[in-house]
């Protein structure tokens, strides 16, 4: 009996450490998805570097309390799968939200973004953001704009002086 309890404690501490270490964690209800759809979802999440697991709710609740995220307990009801991302904050929200649009059976229940409890609306807003590379290119574009405008103005002045001199 104590081996079983010890193993359960180990699983709870594993889940709690995933809650603490992940950049974003999304809880979903996967009821109504068939095996092929779940396999497709797992594949898309794996490509994005997201770990997708199903744990018993009692263990997940204990892990949430251990990780000081007890507000998640109300979402840990019924069939719940958890997507953990250690690197990209946006990836799980983006993949799960787009999959939920195509498959009505998948329902986002809530989550944790960088240690803070996130509502469904916040997760959907996060999903609407561009990925890291997109944000980086937007930033570089904004940083290049003044230099580019200065170059255009210099060129226009040079052309104007050339016309006056000719």
Protein backbone atom coordinates (compact mmCIF):
# COMPACT_ATOMS: atom_id res chain seq x y z
CA UNK A 1 0.00 0.00 0.00
CA UNK A 2 2.75 2.48 0.85
CA UNK A 3 4.41 1.90 -2.55
CA UNK A 4 1.22 3.03 -4.28
CA UNK A 5 0.99 6.15 -2.11
CA UNK A 6 4.68 6.87 -2.67
CA UNK A 7 4.21 6.59 -6.43
CA UNK A 8 1.19 8.94 -6.31
CA UNK A 9 3.20 11.47 -4.29
CA UNK A 10 5.92 11.28 -6.91
CA UNK A 11 3.39 11.97 -9.70
CA UNK A 12 1.93 14.91 -7.75
CA UNK A 13 5.37 16.45 -7.24
CA UNK A 14 6.15 15.90 -10.95
CA UNK A 15 2.97 17.75 -11.97
CA UNK A 16 3.65 20.54 -9.45
CA UNK A 17 7.16 21.05 -10.81
CA UNK A 18 5.74 21.21 -14.36
CA UNK A 19 3.25 23.85 -13.19
CA UNK A 20 6.10 25.89 -11.67
CA UNK A 21 8.63 25.48 -14.50
CA UNK A 22 6.40 25.95 -17.53
CA UNK A 23 6.05 29.33 -19.22
CA UNK A 24 2.41 28.57 -19.96
CA UNK A 25 0.05 25.78 -19.03
CA UNK A 26 -3.36 25.32 -20.64
CA UNK A 27 -6.14 23.05 -19.34
CA UNK A 28 -8.57 21.61 -21.90
CA UNK A 29 -11.61 19.36 -21.93
CA UNK A 30 -11.09 16.85 -24.72
CA UNK A 31 -14.45 15.04 -24.35
CA UNK A 32 -15.94 14.27 -27.74
CA UNK A 33 -12.67 14.05 -29.67
CA UNK A 34 -12.03 10.71 -31.32
CA UNK A 35 -8.66 8.95 -31.29
CA UNK A 36 -7.60 10.35 -34.67
CA UNK A 37 -8.35 13.92 -33.57
CA UNK A 38 -6.47 13.53 -30.28
CA UNK A 39 -3.52 12.04 -32.19
CA UNK A 40 -3.57 15.00 -34.59
CA UNK A 41 -3.70 17.44 -31.65
CA UNK A 42 -0.80 15.71 -29.88
CA UNK A 43 1.22 15.83 -33.10
CA UNK A 44 0.63 19.58 -33.56
CA UNK A 45 1.52 20.27 -29.93
CA UNK A 46 4.67 18.12 -30.14
CA UNK A 47 5.79 20.07 -33.24
CA UNK A 48 5.39 23.29 -31.23
CA UNK A 49 7.46 21.88 -28.35
CA UNK A 50 4.47 21.48 -26.02
CA UNK A 51 3.99 18.52 -23.68
CA UNK A 52 0.37 17.25 -23.57
CA UNK A 53 -0.62 14.93 -20.72
CA UNK A 54 -3.72 13.56 -19.03
CA UNK A 55 -3.53 13.13 -15.26
CA UNK A 56 -6.12 12.20 -12.66
CA UNK A 57 -7.87 15.34 -11.44
CA UNK A 58 -7.22 14.54 -7.78
CA UNK A 59 -3.49 14.42 -8.44
CA UNK A 60 -3.63 17.58 -10.54
CA UNK A 61 -5.55 19.40 -7.80
CA UNK A 62 -2.98 18.40 -5.18
CA UNK A 63 -0.17 19.48 -7.51
CA UNK A 64 -1.89 22.83 -8.16
CA UNK A 65 -2.15 23.41 -4.40
CA UNK A 66 1.50 22.42 -3.96
CA UNK A 67 2.47 24.90 -6.69
CA UNK A 68 0.26 27.55 -5.01
CA UNK A 69 -2.18 27.62 -7.94
CA UNK A 70 -5.27 26.41 -6.08
CA UNK A 71 -7.51 28.65 -8.26
CA UNK A 72 -7.05 25.99 -10.98
CA UNK A 73 -9.04 23.46 -8.93
CA UNK A 74 -12.38 24.68 -10.27
CA UNK A 75 -11.17 23.92 -13.83
CA UNK A 76 -9.91 20.47 -12.85
CA UNK A 77 -13.31 18.80 -13.18
CA UNK A 78 -14.24 16.18 -15.75
CA UNK A 79 -11.86 14.88 -18.42
CA UNK A 80 -8.93 17.30 -18.39
CA UNK A 81 -5.74 17.30 -20.40
CA UNK A 82 -2.89 19.67 -19.62
CA UNK A 83 -0.52 21.28 -22.13
CA UNK A 84 2.82 22.43 -20.68
CA UNK A 85 5.27 24.67 -22.55
CA UNK A 86 8.66 25.42 -21.03
CA UNK A 87 9.98 27.62 -23.84
CA UNK A 88 7.27 29.42 -25.79
CA UNK A 89 4.51 31.22 -23.88
CA UNK A 90 2.29 31.60 -26.95
CA UNK A 91 2.64 28.13 -28.55
CA UNK A 92 0.13 26.08 -26.50
CA UNK A 93 -2.51 28.80 -26.60
CA UNK A 94 -2.07 29.26 -30.34
CA UNK A 95 -2.21 25.53 -31.20
CA UNK A 96 -5.09 24.71 -28.85
CA UNK A 97 -7.14 27.75 -29.84
CA UNK A 98 -6.81 27.06 -33.57
CA UNK A 99 -7.61 23.37 -33.00
CA UNK A 100 -10.67 24.32 -30.92
CA UNK A 101 -11.94 26.48 -33.81
CA UNK A 102 -11.89 23.46 -36.13
CA UNK A 103 -13.09 20.95 -33.50
CA UNK A 104 -15.92 22.21 -31.31
CA UNK A 105 -15.50 19.27 -28.90
CA UNK A 106 -12.21 20.71 -27.59
CA UNK A 107 -12.87 23.26 -24.87
CA UNK A 108 -10.25 25.46 -23.22
CA UNK A 109 -10.92 25.55 -19.47
CA UNK A 110 -8.20 27.87 -18.20
CA UNK A 111 -4.51 27.95 -17.52
CA UNK A 112 -1.41 29.51 -16.08
CA UNK A 113 0.74 32.04 -17.91
CA UNK A 114 4.15 32.70 -16.38
CA UNK A 115 2.97 31.72 -12.90
CA UNK A 116 -0.31 33.67 -12.98
CA UNK A 117 -3.78 32.17 -13.37
CA UNK A 118 -5.20 33.04 -16.79
CA UNK A 119 -8.84 33.26 -17.83
CA UNK A 120 -10.15 31.79 -21.07
CA UNK A 121 -10.29 35.30 -22.59
CA UNK A 122 -6.64 35.96 -21.69
CA UNK A 123 -5.63 32.66 -23.28
CA UNK A 124 -7.52 33.56 -26.47
CA UNK A 125 -5.84 37.00 -26.52
CA UNK A 126 -2.48 35.29 -26.12
CA UNK A 127 -3.34 32.96 -29.01
CA UNK A 128 -3.99 36.00 -31.22
CA UNK A 129 -0.43 37.30 -30.67
CA UNK A 130 2.21 36.51 -33.27
CA UNK A 131 4.90 34.03 -32.29
CA UNK A 132 8.37 35.05 -31.06
CA UNK A 133 9.84 35.38 -34.56
CA UNK A 134 6.87 37.52 -35.66
CA UNK A 135 7.22 39.82 -32.66
CA UNK A 136 10.96 40.10 -33.26
CA UNK A 137 10.48 41.05 -36.92
CA UNK A 138 7.87 43.65 -35.90
CA UNK A 139 10.34 45.13 -33.39
CA UNK A 140 13.14 45.24 -35.96
CA UNK A 141 10.81 46.90 -38.45
CA UNK A 142 9.96 49.60 -35.91
CA UNK A 143 13.65 50.11 -35.07
CA UNK A 144 14.62 50.38 -38.76
CA UNK A 145 11.90 52.89 -39.64
CA UNK A 146 13.75 56.07 -38.49
CA UNK A 147 16.94 55.06 -40.31
CA UNK A 148 14.98 54.20 -43.46
CA UNK A 149 13.08 57.51 -43.35
CA UNK A 150 16.34 59.42 -42.84
CA UNK A 151 17.82 57.66 -45.88
CA UNK A 152 14.76 58.57 -48.00
CA UNK A 153 14.95 62.21 -46.86
CA UNK A 154 18.70 62.38 -47.61
CA UNK A 155 18.15 60.90 -51.05
CA UNK A 156 15.33 63.37 -51.77
CA UNK A 157 17.52 66.34 -50.73
CA UNK A 158 20.39 65.04 -52.88
CA UNK A 159 18.07 64.67 -55.90
CA UNK A 160 16.62 68.14 -55.33
CA UNK A 161 20.10 69.74 -55.17
CA UNK A 162 21.09 67.82 -58.30
CA UNK A 163 18.08 69.22 -60.18
CA UNK A 164 18.87 72.76 -59.01
CA UNK A 165 22.51 72.44 -60.02
CA UNK A 166 21.74 71.07 -63.49
